[in-house]
Every structure is written in structure tokens, then in C-alpha cells.
């Protein structure tokens, strides 16, 4: 198996010329951030190749945890492992012996999704109770809420109605994730159930759940006071903090796109699932630009 030598050399350079870790973004504030599903940065380190700091590229390519493992390897071990990774990248693509932009982008995206795959693997062992390689709705329901005879759901808990609503909501999400409609989730379908923000076909369910959480008067919209109530609950006599007024301004200036004083489903979607830059593609282009010295093509003619 062959690989583009300059790409491998660049990856080795990233390993042996690492800089210090960057600080977390100051924009990651505490207020209301849990509702907004934004792609995590490929690395918290600054993207500062010009000053010899390749930590960002190092973590983007390997993932943060694997990057730490590479920190402990000798140069010879690092070169050998990187060679195997490059081979895997090519085999997962067209297998022509070269690393294309698409193959590199796919690898970086795969690396950055490792935490999702790990969480699904842990959940799989809990939910696939009959070990048949699929997770049925009944399995997931029983593992999550316990076994109940029909008509006796939550008879033994105080807030039975709340649990019934949670169960109905989970079942609705499961039905959307179960794209073939057989009531049995594959690993990909369970991933969509557990991480709906990662799947375009789950977008509407994320929006619906957000509306249900915030729309207290059930008019189908999120009013500004409902938006604020999700972030802040005032104590009697307490003066409203400045950050709450800032959130009111954010609602008015940026959330309420049609300026009618409320958020409809489309505006809620734009808020909680904002358009995102394809970070793996940007990084793949950057790495190939640095390594593709002939500037003609990443693949042979």
C-alpha cells in the first residue's frame, strides 16, 4: 500500500512540533447553551501553524485522547502508527494508494465522532437485553422505565403523568429514528435516537421537543418571557441580572428573525441547530494544502 509521502511527513511534523493547549473559548457561557447544538471545535488549541504550534492539527487528525497516546510514543512508533492510519484512510475510500481530500475529510469527521460512538456502545450493552444485535422499542422502554403491565404504567410513582409524557416523547423520537419502521433499532438508528442533533432527518423532532419544553402557554410559539424563563427564575424582589437583559436583546435582534415578537418552529430550528461550517472539510483542505507540494491533484492522473 502506498500513501502520499508529503502528507505522512506533515502528519509526523504535527506530532513532533506541538504547542501548548489553548484555553476554552470565552464564548462558551453558561446561560442557555445546553439548548444550542453546535459542532464542537476539532481542538481547543489555537490554530497557529505560522508560529510552529501544530497542536490543533494534531488533535483534529487523531482526536484528543489518541493524540495524548501519541505523545508517549517514540518517533519510530509514531511513524509506524501513522502509516497504518493513512492506509486505513485509503482503504476506506477508493484504495488507489493515494489520500484524497474526501478520504481525509471522512477520516477527520470519523475521528471527531468517536465520543458519540463510545456513548452509543455503552448504551447498546444496556438496551440490547436479548443480545440479538438490535434494540427493540420494548427493550429500550423497559431498560429505561422499568417493566410494567399494559395499563399499569407508573402506577407506583408520585408524578405518573410526567413519566407518561416522557415515555410518549421517547417513543415518538424512537419512531422517527427507526427509519425502516420495524420497531428495531440498528446501531445507526440508536445513534440517531440518542444524538438526534447529528442527523438531518431528526431535525424536526429536536425542534418539536424544544418547543414543547419552552411553549408554556401552548400557542405553538416561544414568547420572549418563555425564552427567558428557560434561562432564569427570579427570586421575589431580586433585580434582573444584566445578562438576562442581554438575552432579551439576543432574542429581539437575532432569534426573532421575522420580528413578530415570538419564535416559530423555523426560528427555533435556526437557534438550536444553527448552520455550521464543515470543520472536517476545512481542516482536510488545510492539511492537503500544506502537504500537496505539486499543487495539481491529491490523486495521481
C-alpha atoms as a PDB file:
ATOM      1  CA  UNK A   1       0.000   0.000   0.000  1.00  0.00           C
ATOM      2  CA  UNK A   2       1.294   3.457  -0.918  1.00  0.00           C
ATOM      3  CA  UNK A   3       0.500   6.861   0.507  1.00  0.00           C
ATOM      4  CA  UNK A   4       1.392  10.401  -0.439  1.00  0.00           C
ATOM      5  CA  UNK A   5       4.760  10.815   1.320  1.00  0.00           C
ATOM      6  CA  UNK A   6       4.401  14.556   1.911  1.00  0.00           C
ATOM      7  CA  UNK A   7       1.127  14.036   3.778  1.00  0.00           C
ATOM      8  CA  UNK A   8       2.731  11.480   6.079  1.00  0.00           C
ATOM      9  CA  UNK A   9       5.664  13.819   6.658  1.00  0.00           C
ATOM     10  CA  UNK A  10       3.279  16.647   7.509  1.00  0.00           C
ATOM     11  CA  UNK A  11       1.440  14.435   9.997  1.00  0.00           C
ATOM     12  CA  UNK A  12       4.731  13.494  11.614  1.00  0.00           C
ATOM     13  CA  UNK A  13       5.580  17.187  11.825  1.00  0.00           C
ATOM     14  CA  UNK A  14       2.320  17.785  13.666  1.00  0.00           C
ATOM     15  CA  UNK A  15       3.320  15.183  16.237  1.00  0.00           C
ATOM     16  CA  UNK A  16       6.794  16.464  16.995  1.00  0.00           C
ATOM     17  CA  UNK A  17       6.179  20.233  16.883  1.00  0.00           C
ATOM     18  CA  UNK A  18       3.197  20.515  19.199  1.00  0.00           C
ATOM     19  CA  UNK A  19       2.445  23.695  21.125  1.00  0.00           C
ATOM     20  CA  UNK A  20       0.595  24.317  24.346  1.00  0.00           C
ATOM     21  CA  UNK A  21      -3.119  23.624  24.736  1.00  0.00           C
ATOM     22  CA  UNK A  22      -5.403  26.596  24.091  1.00  0.00           C
ATOM     23  CA  UNK A  23      -7.868  27.885  26.648  1.00  0.00           C
ATOM     24  CA  UNK A  24     -11.597  27.188  26.205  1.00  0.00           C
ATOM     25  CA  UNK A  25     -13.480  29.762  24.168  1.00  0.00           C
ATOM     26  CA  UNK A  26     -14.778  32.653  26.288  1.00  0.00           C
ATOM     27  CA  UNK A  27     -17.981  32.491  24.231  1.00  0.00           C
ATOM     28  CA  UNK A  28     -18.941  29.201  25.918  1.00  0.00           C
ATOM     29  CA  UNK A  29     -21.110  30.935  28.513  1.00  0.00           C
ATOM     30  CA  UNK A  30     -23.344  29.146  30.997  1.00  0.00           C
ATOM     31  CA  UNK A  31     -26.680  30.684  30.071  1.00  0.00           C
ATOM     32  CA  UNK A  32     -28.897  28.674  27.736  1.00  0.00           C
ATOM     33  CA  UNK A  33     -26.018  26.965  25.974  1.00  0.00           C
ATOM     34  CA  UNK A  34     -27.470  23.497  26.598  1.00  0.00           C
ATOM     35  CA  UNK A  35     -30.225  24.020  24.032  1.00  0.00           C
ATOM     36  CA  UNK A  36     -27.920  25.062  21.219  1.00  0.00           C
ATOM     37  CA  UNK A  37     -26.422  22.127  19.337  1.00  0.00           C
ATOM     38  CA  UNK A  38     -23.206  23.335  17.751  1.00  0.00           C
ATOM     39  CA  UNK A  39     -20.408  21.204  16.417  1.00  0.00           C
ATOM     40  CA  UNK A  40     -17.585  21.042  18.934  1.00  0.00           C
ATOM     41  CA  UNK A  41     -14.290  22.514  17.743  1.00  0.00           C
ATOM     42  CA  UNK A  42     -11.833  19.989  16.361  1.00  0.00           C
ATOM     43  CA  UNK A  43      -9.455  21.161  19.090  1.00  0.00           C
ATOM     44  CA  UNK A  44      -9.427  23.782  21.836  1.00  0.00           C
ATOM     45  CA  UNK A  45      -5.852  24.689  20.884  1.00  0.00           C
ATOM     46  CA  UNK A  46      -5.235  27.789  18.748  1.00  0.00           C
ATOM     47  CA  UNK A  47      -4.834  27.115  15.017  1.00  0.00           C
ATOM     48  CA  UNK A  48      -1.418  28.741  14.827  1.00  0.00           C
ATOM     49  CA  UNK A  49       0.794  26.904  12.334  1.00  0.00           C
ATOM     50  CA  UNK A  50       2.588  30.121  11.458  1.00  0.00           C
ATOM     51  CA  UNK A  51       4.251  30.163  14.870  1.00  0.00           C
ATOM     52  CA  UNK A  52       5.088  26.470  14.935  1.00  0.00           C
ATOM     53  CA  UNK A  53       2.132  25.394  17.078  1.00  0.00           C
ATOM     54  CA  UNK A  54       0.574  22.336  15.420  1.00  0.00           C
ATOM     55  CA  UNK A  55      -1.443  21.139  18.406  1.00  0.00           C
ATOM     56  CA  UNK A  56      -4.747  21.977  16.684  1.00  0.00           C
ATOM     57  CA  UNK A  57      -3.915  19.879  13.618  1.00  0.00           C
ATOM     58  CA  UNK A  58      -2.530  17.119  15.825  1.00  0.00           C
ATOM     59  CA  UNK A  59      -5.799  16.792  17.773  1.00  0.00           C
ATOM     60  CA  UNK A  60      -8.028  17.348  14.728  1.00  0.00           C
ATOM     61  CA  UNK A  61      -6.418  14.438  12.903  1.00  0.00           C
ATOM     62  CA  UNK A  62      -6.078  11.982  15.784  1.00  0.00           C
ATOM     63  CA  UNK A  63      -8.712  13.070  18.289  1.00  0.00           C
ATOM     64  CA  UNK A  64      -7.792  14.448  21.678  1.00  0.00           C
ATOM     65  CA  UNK A  65      -7.440  11.149  23.542  1.00  0.00           C
ATOM     66  CA  UNK A  66      -5.454   9.364  20.826  1.00  0.00           C
ATOM     67  CA  UNK A  67      -3.278  12.461  20.484  1.00  0.00           C
ATOM     68  CA  UNK A  68      -2.352  12.024  24.154  1.00  0.00           C
ATOM     69  CA  UNK A  69      -1.379   8.414  23.419  1.00  0.00           C
ATOM     70  CA  UNK A  70       0.881   9.562  20.580  1.00  0.00           C
ATOM     71  CA  UNK A  71       2.572  11.955  22.996  1.00  0.00           C
ATOM     72  CA  UNK A  72       4.043   8.917  24.730  1.00  0.00           C
ATOM     73  CA  UNK A  73       5.336   7.168  21.582  1.00  0.00           C
ATOM     74  CA  UNK A  74       8.814   7.223  20.156  1.00  0.00           C
ATOM     75  CA  UNK A  75       9.297   8.795  16.696  1.00  0.00           C
ATOM     76  CA  UNK A  76       9.606   5.301  15.190  1.00  0.00           C
ATOM     77  CA  UNK A  77       6.374   4.100  16.792  1.00  0.00           C
ATOM     78  CA  UNK A  78       4.565   7.266  15.745  1.00  0.00           C
ATOM     79  CA  UNK A  79       5.695   6.871  12.134  1.00  0.00           C
ATOM     80  CA  UNK A  80       4.544   3.248  12.050  1.00  0.00           C
ATOM     81  CA  UNK A  81       1.132   4.018  13.537  1.00  0.00           C
ATOM     82  CA  UNK A  82       0.597   6.982  11.227  1.00  0.00           C
ATOM     83  CA  UNK A  83       1.451   4.810   8.250  1.00  0.00           C
ATOM     84  CA  UNK A  84      -1.249   2.346   9.295  1.00  0.00           C
ATOM     85  CA  UNK A  85      -3.749   5.172   9.754  1.00  0.00           C
ATOM     86  CA  UNK A  86      -3.047   6.531   6.277  1.00  0.00           C
ATOM     87  CA  UNK A  87      -3.506   3.034   4.847  1.00  0.00           C
ATOM     88  CA  UNK A  88      -6.876   2.796   6.638  1.00  0.00           C
ATOM     89  CA  UNK A  89      -7.933   6.153   5.225  1.00  0.00           C
ATOM     90  CA  UNK A  90      -7.221   4.995   1.687  1.00  0.00           C
ATOM     91  CA  UNK A  91      -8.807   1.552   2.117  1.00  0.00           C
ATOM     92  CA  UNK A  92     -11.973   3.205   3.420  1.00  0.00           C
ATOM     93  CA  UNK A  93     -12.075   5.229   0.197  1.00  0.00           C
ATOM     94  CA  UNK A  94     -11.122   4.150  -3.289  1.00  0.00           C
ATOM     95  CA  UNK A  95      -7.995   2.174  -2.311  1.00  0.00           C
ATOM     96  CA  UNK A  96      -5.895   3.673  -5.095  1.00  0.00           C
ATOM     97  CA  UNK A  97      -2.806   4.226  -2.933  1.00  0.00           C
ATOM     98  CA  UNK A  98      -3.334   7.973  -2.548  1.00  0.00           C
ATOM     99  CA  UNK A  99      -5.131  10.045   0.083  1.00  0.00           C
ATOM    100  CA  UNK A 100      -7.782  12.241  -1.478  1.00  0.00           C
ATOM    101  CA  UNK A 101      -9.491  15.267   0.014  1.00  0.00           C
ATOM    102  CA  UNK A 102     -12.683  13.253   0.511  1.00  0.00           C
ATOM    103  CA  UNK A 103     -10.805  10.438   2.284  1.00  0.00           C
ATOM    104  CA  UNK A 104      -9.011  12.857   4.604  1.00  0.00           C
ATOM    105  CA  UNK A 105     -12.215  14.751   5.375  1.00  0.00           C
ATOM    106  CA  UNK A 106     -14.010  11.472   6.107  1.00  0.00           C
ATOM    107  CA  UNK A 107     -11.247  10.378   8.471  1.00  0.00           C
ATOM    108  CA  UNK A 108     -11.261  13.653  10.432  1.00  0.00           C
ATOM    109  CA  UNK A 109     -15.067  13.515  10.728  1.00  0.00           C
ATOM    110  CA  UNK A 110     -14.841   9.879  11.886  1.00  0.00           C
ATOM    111  CA  UNK A 111     -12.226  10.821  14.487  1.00  0.00           C
ATOM    112  CA  UNK A 112     -14.318  13.661  15.862  1.00  0.00           C
ATOM    113  CA  UNK A 113     -17.360  11.393  16.264  1.00  0.00           C
ATOM    114  CA  UNK A 114     -15.500   8.927  18.488  1.00  0.00           C
ATOM    115  CA  UNK A 115     -17.162  10.212  21.673  1.00  0.00           C
ATOM    116  CA  UNK A 116     -20.586   9.614  20.134  1.00  0.00           C
ATOM    117  CA  UNK A 117     -19.682   6.075  19.085  1.00  0.00           C
ATOM    118  CA  UNK A 118     -18.361   5.376  22.582  1.00  0.00           C
ATOM    119  CA  UNK A 119     -21.569   6.602  24.239  1.00  0.00           C
ATOM    120  CA  UNK A 120     -23.713   4.531  21.872  1.00  0.00           C
ATOM    121  CA  UNK A 121     -21.606   1.434  22.526  1.00  0.00           C
ATOM    122  CA  UNK A 122     -22.115   1.853  26.271  1.00  0.00           C
ATOM    123  CA  UNK A 123     -25.863   2.339  25.793  1.00  0.00           C
ATOM    124  CA  UNK A 124     -26.061  -0.628  23.421  1.00  0.00           C
ATOM    125  CA  UNK A 125     -24.940  -3.021  26.139  1.00  0.00           C
ATOM    126  CA  UNK A 126     -27.721  -1.705  28.369  1.00  0.00           C
ATOM    127  CA  UNK A 127     -30.535  -1.701  25.819  1.00  0.00           C
ATOM    128  CA  UNK A 128     -29.846  -4.824  23.738  1.00  0.00           C
ATOM    129  CA  UNK A 129     -31.024  -7.112  26.519  1.00  0.00           C
ATOM    130  CA  UNK A 130     -31.606 -10.200  24.353  1.00  0.00           C
ATOM    131  CA  UNK A 131     -28.209  -9.759  22.625  1.00  0.00           C
ATOM    132  CA  UNK A 132     -29.642 -10.170  19.117  1.00  0.00           C
ATOM    133  CA  UNK A 133     -27.697  -7.245  17.661  1.00  0.00           C
ATOM    134  CA  UNK A 134     -30.699  -4.903  17.554  1.00  0.00           C
ATOM    135  CA  UNK A 135     -32.520  -2.756  20.110  1.00  0.00           C
ATOM    136  CA  UNK A 136     -36.293  -3.021  20.061  1.00  0.00           C
ATOM    137  CA  UNK A 137     -38.550  -0.313  21.407  1.00  0.00           C
ATOM    138  CA  UNK A 138     -39.757  -2.665  24.123  1.00  0.00           C
ATOM    139  CA  UNK A 139     -36.181  -3.331  25.219  1.00  0.00           C
ATOM    140  CA  UNK A 140     -35.323   0.355  25.354  1.00  0.00           C
ATOM    141  CA  UNK A 141     -38.544   1.239  27.180  1.00  0.00           C
ATOM    142  CA  UNK A 142     -38.130  -1.483  29.798  1.00  0.00           C
ATOM    143  CA  UNK A 143     -34.457  -0.731  30.359  1.00  0.00           C
ATOM    144  CA  UNK A 144     -35.222   2.969  30.798  1.00  0.00           C
ATOM    145  CA  UNK A 145     -38.516   2.995  32.680  1.00  0.00           C
ATOM    146  CA  UNK A 146     -38.874  -0.494  34.102  1.00  0.00           C
ATOM    147  CA  UNK A 147     -41.297  -3.317  33.334  1.00  0.00           C
ATOM    148  CA  UNK A 148     -44.991  -2.504  33.565  1.00  0.00           C
ATOM    149  CA  UNK A 149     -48.061  -4.448  32.537  1.00  0.00           C
ATOM    150  CA  UNK A 150     -50.235  -2.687  29.944  1.00  0.00           C
ATOM    151  CA  UNK A 151     -52.419  -0.062  31.613  1.00  0.00           C
ATOM    152  CA  UNK A 152     -50.332  -0.020  34.792  1.00  0.00           C
ATOM    153  CA  UNK A 153     -47.515   2.240  33.651  1.00  0.00           C
ATOM    154  CA  UNK A 154     -46.021   4.265  36.524  1.00  0.00           C
ATOM    155  CA  UNK A 155     -48.741   3.327  38.999  1.00  0.00           C
ATOM    156  CA  UNK A 156     -46.061   3.166  41.695  1.00  0.00           C
ATOM    157  CA  UNK A 157     -44.575   6.657  41.300  1.00  0.00           C
ATOM    158  CA  UNK A 158     -45.897  10.003  42.523  1.00  0.00           C
ATOM    159  CA  UNK A 159     -45.607  12.019  39.298  1.00  0.00           C
ATOM    160  CA  UNK A 160     -47.037   9.389  36.966  1.00  0.00           C
ATOM    161  CA  UNK A 161     -48.290  11.899  34.378  1.00  0.00           C
ATOM    162  CA  UNK A 162     -44.829  13.389  33.924  1.00  0.00           C
ATOM    163  CA  UNK A 163     -43.334   9.950  33.349  1.00  0.00           C
ATOM    164  CA  UNK A 164     -46.074   9.087  30.881  1.00  0.00           C
ATOM    165  CA  UNK A 165     -45.254  12.224  28.892  1.00  0.00           C
ATOM    166  CA  UNK A 166     -41.557  11.347  28.948  1.00  0.00           C
ATOM    167  CA  UNK A 167     -42.320   7.846  27.736  1.00  0.00           C
ATOM    168  CA  UNK A 168     -44.542   9.127  24.899  1.00  0.00           C
ATOM    169  CA  UNK A 169     -41.849  11.598  23.888  1.00  0.00           C
ATOM    170  CA  UNK A 170     -39.171   8.919  23.827  1.00  0.00           C
ATOM    171  CA  UNK A 171     -41.380   6.619  21.778  1.00  0.00           C
ATOM    172  CA  UNK A 172     -42.063   9.365  19.244  1.00  0.00           C
ATOM    173  CA  UNK A 173     -38.329  10.055  18.905  1.00  0.00           C
ATOM    174  CA  UNK A 174     -37.625   6.324  18.561  1.00  0.00           C
ATOM    175  CA  UNK A 175     -40.202   6.023  15.741  1.00  0.00           C
ATOM    176  CA  UNK A 176     -38.527   8.853  13.820  1.00  0.00           C
ATOM    177  CA  UNK A 177     -35.060   7.359  14.346  1.00  0.00           C
ATOM    178  CA  UNK A 178     -36.348   3.929  13.231  1.00  0.00           C
ATOM    179  CA  UNK A 179     -36.266   4.760   9.548  1.00  0.00           C
ATOM    180  CA  UNK A 180     -37.320   1.339   8.258  1.00  0.00           C
ATOM    181  CA  UNK A 181     -40.234   1.223  10.687  1.00  0.00           C
ATOM    182  CA  UNK A 182     -39.605  -2.279  12.044  1.00  0.00           C
ATOM    183  CA  UNK A 183     -39.523  -1.148  15.719  1.00  0.00           C
ATOM    184  CA  UNK A 184     -35.961  -2.483  15.941  1.00  0.00           C
ATOM    185  CA  UNK A 185     -33.082  -0.037  16.040  1.00  0.00           C
ATOM    186  CA  UNK A 186     -29.799  -0.751  14.306  1.00  0.00           C
ATOM    187  CA  UNK A 187     -26.707   0.853  15.793  1.00  0.00           C
ATOM    188  CA  UNK A 188     -27.090   3.780  13.385  1.00  0.00           C
ATOM    189  CA  UNK A 189     -30.755   4.213  14.324  1.00  0.00           C
ATOM    190  CA  UNK A 190     -29.968   4.079  18.039  1.00  0.00           C
ATOM    191  CA  UNK A 191     -27.319   6.733  17.450  1.00  0.00           C
ATOM    192  CA  UNK A 192     -29.988   8.919  15.838  1.00  0.00           C
ATOM    193  CA  UNK A 193     -32.237   8.350  18.854  1.00  0.00           C
ATOM    194  CA  UNK A 194     -29.528   9.244  21.390  1.00  0.00           C
ATOM    195  CA  UNK A 195     -27.909  12.056  19.370  1.00  0.00           C
ATOM    196  CA  UNK A 196     -30.681  13.467  17.146  1.00  0.00           C
ATOM    197  CA  UNK A 197     -28.824  16.731  16.598  1.00  0.00           C
ATOM    198  CA  UNK A 198     -26.312  14.822  14.448  1.00  0.00           C
ATOM    199  CA  UNK A 199     -28.879  13.627  11.879  1.00  0.00           C
ATOM    200  CA  UNK A 200     -30.752  15.784   9.346  1.00  0.00           C
ATOM    201  CA  UNK A 201     -33.836  13.545   9.419  1.00  0.00           C
ATOM    202  CA  UNK A 202     -34.110  14.140  13.190  1.00  0.00           C
ATOM    203  CA  UNK A 203     -34.118  17.930  12.901  1.00  0.00           C
ATOM    204  CA  UNK A 204     -37.892  18.275  13.187  1.00  0.00           C
ATOM    205  CA  UNK A 205     -38.030  16.175  16.352  1.00  0.00           C
ATOM    206  CA  UNK A 206     -35.341  18.310  18.021  1.00  0.00           C
ATOM    207  CA  UNK A 207     -37.360  21.422  17.160  1.00  0.00           C
ATOM    208  CA  UNK A 208     -40.622  19.855  18.363  1.00  0.00           C
ATOM    209  CA  UNK A 209     -39.086  18.832  21.688  1.00  0.00           C
ATOM    210  CA  UNK A 210     -37.622  22.303  22.220  1.00  0.00           C
ATOM    211  CA  UNK A 211     -40.987  23.934  21.502  1.00  0.00           C
ATOM    212  CA  UNK A 212     -42.721  21.588  23.908  1.00  0.00           C
ATOM    213  CA  UNK A 213     -40.230  22.440  26.655  1.00  0.00           C
ATOM    214  CA  UNK A 214     -40.480  26.222  26.277  1.00  0.00           C
ATOM    215  CA  UNK A 215     -44.004  26.864  24.976  1.00  0.00           C
ATOM    216  CA  UNK A 216     -45.798  27.021  28.325  1.00  0.00           C
ATOM    217  CA  UNK A 217     -48.995  28.624  27.020  1.00  0.00           C
ATOM    218  CA  UNK A 218     -49.228  26.038  24.218  1.00  0.00           C
ATOM    219  CA  UNK A 219     -49.812  28.546  21.417  1.00  0.00           C
ATOM    220  CA  UNK A 220     -47.184  26.926  19.186  1.00  0.00           C
ATOM    221  CA  UNK A 221     -44.601  29.685  19.647  1.00  0.00           C
ATOM    222  CA  UNK A 222     -41.872  30.702  22.068  1.00  0.00           C
ATOM    223  CA  UNK A 223     -42.580  34.120  23.525  1.00  0.00           C
ATOM    224  CA  UNK A 224     -39.735  36.203  24.917  1.00  0.00           C
ATOM    225  CA  UNK A 225     -40.829  35.574  28.521  1.00  0.00           C
ATOM    226  CA  UNK A 226     -40.922  31.819  27.856  1.00  0.00           C
ATOM    227  CA  UNK A 227     -37.435  32.067  26.376  1.00  0.00           C
ATOM    228  CA  UNK A 228     -36.179  33.947  29.451  1.00  0.00           C
ATOM    229  CA  UNK A 229     -37.950  31.599  31.870  1.00  0.00           C
ATOM    230  CA  UNK A 230     -35.929  28.704  30.459  1.00  0.00           C
ATOM    231  CA  UNK A 231     -32.746  30.547  31.428  1.00  0.00           C
ATOM    232  CA  UNK A 232     -33.576  32.390  34.615  1.00  0.00           C
ATOM    233  CA  UNK A 233     -36.016  32.191  37.504  1.00  0.00           C
ATOM    234  CA  UNK A 234     -36.161  35.366  39.564  1.00  0.00           C
ATOM    235  CA  UNK A 235     -36.447  35.338  43.321  1.00  0.00           C
ATOM    236  CA  UNK A 236     -39.017  37.725  44.873  1.00  0.00           C
ATOM    237  CA  UNK A 237     -37.582  41.223  44.957  1.00  0.00           C
ATOM    238  CA  UNK A 238     -34.473  40.244  43.031  1.00  0.00           C
ATOM    239  CA  UNK A 239     -33.212  42.656  40.388  1.00  0.00           C
ATOM    240  CA  UNK A 240     -32.855  41.095  36.966  1.00  0.00           C
ATOM    241  CA  UNK A 241     -29.160  40.482  36.170  1.00  0.00           C
ATOM    242  CA  UNK A 242     -27.560  42.283  33.248  1.00  0.00           C
ATOM    243  CA  UNK A 243     -27.017  39.051  31.359  1.00  0.00           C
ATOM    244  CA  UNK A 244     -30.771  38.466  31.270  1.00  0.00           C
ATOM    245  CA  UNK A 245     -31.294  41.817  29.566  1.00  0.00           C
ATOM    246  CA  UNK A 246     -28.582  40.782  27.111  1.00  0.00           C
ATOM    247  CA  UNK A 247     -30.562  37.607  26.383  1.00  0.00           C
ATOM    248  CA  UNK A 248     -33.683  39.694  25.752  1.00  0.00           C
ATOM    249  CA  UNK A 249     -31.697  41.685  23.210  1.00  0.00           C
ATOM    250  CA  UNK A 250     -30.386  38.466  21.654  1.00  0.00           C
ATOM    251  CA  UNK A 251     -33.969  37.246  21.312  1.00  0.00           C
ATOM    252  CA  UNK A 252     -35.081  40.503  19.698  1.00  0.00           C
ATOM    253  CA  UNK A 253     -32.093  41.047  17.410  1.00  0.00           C
ATOM    254  CA  UNK A 254     -31.003  37.536  16.439  1.00  0.00           C
ATOM    255  CA  UNK A 255     -33.510  34.833  17.425  1.00  0.00           C
ATOM    256  CA  UNK A 256     -36.725  36.508  16.215  1.00  0.00           C
ATOM    257  CA  UNK A 257     -35.858  36.568  12.537  1.00  0.00           C
ATOM    258  CA  UNK A 258     -39.212  37.831  11.247  1.00  0.00           C
ATOM    259  CA  UNK A 259     -39.558  40.402  14.062  1.00  0.00           C
ATOM    260  CA  UNK A 260     -43.040  39.336  15.170  1.00  0.00           C
ATOM    261  CA  UNK A 261     -42.032  39.125  18.845  1.00  0.00           C
ATOM    262  CA  UNK A 262     -42.016  35.323  19.073  1.00  0.00           C
ATOM    263  CA  UNK A 263     -40.203  32.264  17.724  1.00  0.00           C
ATOM    264  CA  UNK A 264     -41.900  29.821  15.385  1.00  0.00           C
ATOM    265  CA  UNK A 265     -40.579  26.352  14.595  1.00  0.00           C
ATOM    266  CA  UNK A 266     -38.295  27.583  11.841  1.00  0.00           C
ATOM    267  CA  UNK A 267     -36.745  30.211  14.109  1.00  0.00           C
ATOM    268  CA  UNK A 268     -36.345  27.699  16.925  1.00  0.00           C
ATOM    269  CA  UNK A 269     -34.515  25.428  14.474  1.00  0.00           C
ATOM    270  CA  UNK A 270     -32.217  28.243  13.401  1.00  0.00           C
ATOM    271  CA  UNK A 271     -31.463  28.908  17.070  1.00  0.00           C
ATOM    272  CA  UNK A 272     -30.888  25.395  18.443  1.00  0.00           C
ATOM    273  CA  UNK A 273     -29.483  23.833  15.242  1.00  0.00           C
ATOM    274  CA  UNK A 274     -27.616  26.724  13.637  1.00  0.00           C
ATOM    275  CA  UNK A 275     -25.965  26.347  10.222  1.00  0.00           C
ATOM    276  CA  UNK A 276     -22.480  25.013  10.771  1.00  0.00           C
ATOM    277  CA  UNK A 277     -19.241  25.190   8.827  1.00  0.00           C
ATOM    278  CA  UNK A 278     -17.932  21.825   7.659  1.00  0.00           C
ATOM    279  CA  UNK A 279     -14.950  21.823  10.029  1.00  0.00           C
ATOM    280  CA  UNK A 280     -13.510  18.465   8.889  1.00  0.00           C
ATOM    281  CA  UNK A 281     -13.522  19.687   5.269  1.00  0.00           C
ATOM    282  CA  UNK A 282     -11.800  22.950   6.214  1.00  0.00           C
ATOM    283  CA  UNK A 283      -9.114  21.072   8.130  1.00  0.00           C
ATOM    284  CA  UNK A 284      -8.669  18.481   5.375  1.00  0.00           C
ATOM    285  CA  UNK A 285      -8.174  21.264   2.833  1.00  0.00           C
ATOM    286  CA  UNK A 286      -5.638  22.889   5.141  1.00  0.00           C
ATOM    287  CA  UNK A 287      -3.620  19.692   5.640  1.00  0.00           C
ATOM    288  CA  UNK A 288      -3.606  18.839   1.956  1.00  0.00           C
ATOM    289  CA  UNK A 289      -2.628  22.384   1.024  1.00  0.00           C
ATOM    290  CA  UNK A 290       0.375  22.076   3.316  1.00  0.00           C
ATOM    291  CA  UNK A 291       1.352  18.620   2.064  1.00  0.00           C
ATOM    292  CA  UNK A 292       0.372  18.596  -1.634  1.00  0.00           C
ATOM    293  CA  UNK A 293       3.565  20.161  -2.927  1.00  0.00           C
ATOM    294  CA  UNK A 294       2.851  19.727  -6.651  1.00  0.00           C
ATOM    295  CA  UNK A 295      -0.456  21.639  -6.242  1.00  0.00           C
ATOM    296  CA  UNK A 296      -2.035  19.700  -9.087  1.00  0.00           C
ATOM    297  CA  UNK A 297      -4.060  16.900  -7.535  1.00  0.00           C
ATOM    298  CA  UNK A 298      -4.170  14.799  -4.430  1.00  0.00           C
ATOM    299  CA  UNK A 299      -4.667  11.738  -6.604  1.00  0.00           C
ATOM    300  CA  UNK A 300      -2.476  10.513  -9.471  1.00  0.00           C
ATOM    301  CA  UNK A 301      -3.769  11.208 -13.002  1.00  0.00           C
END
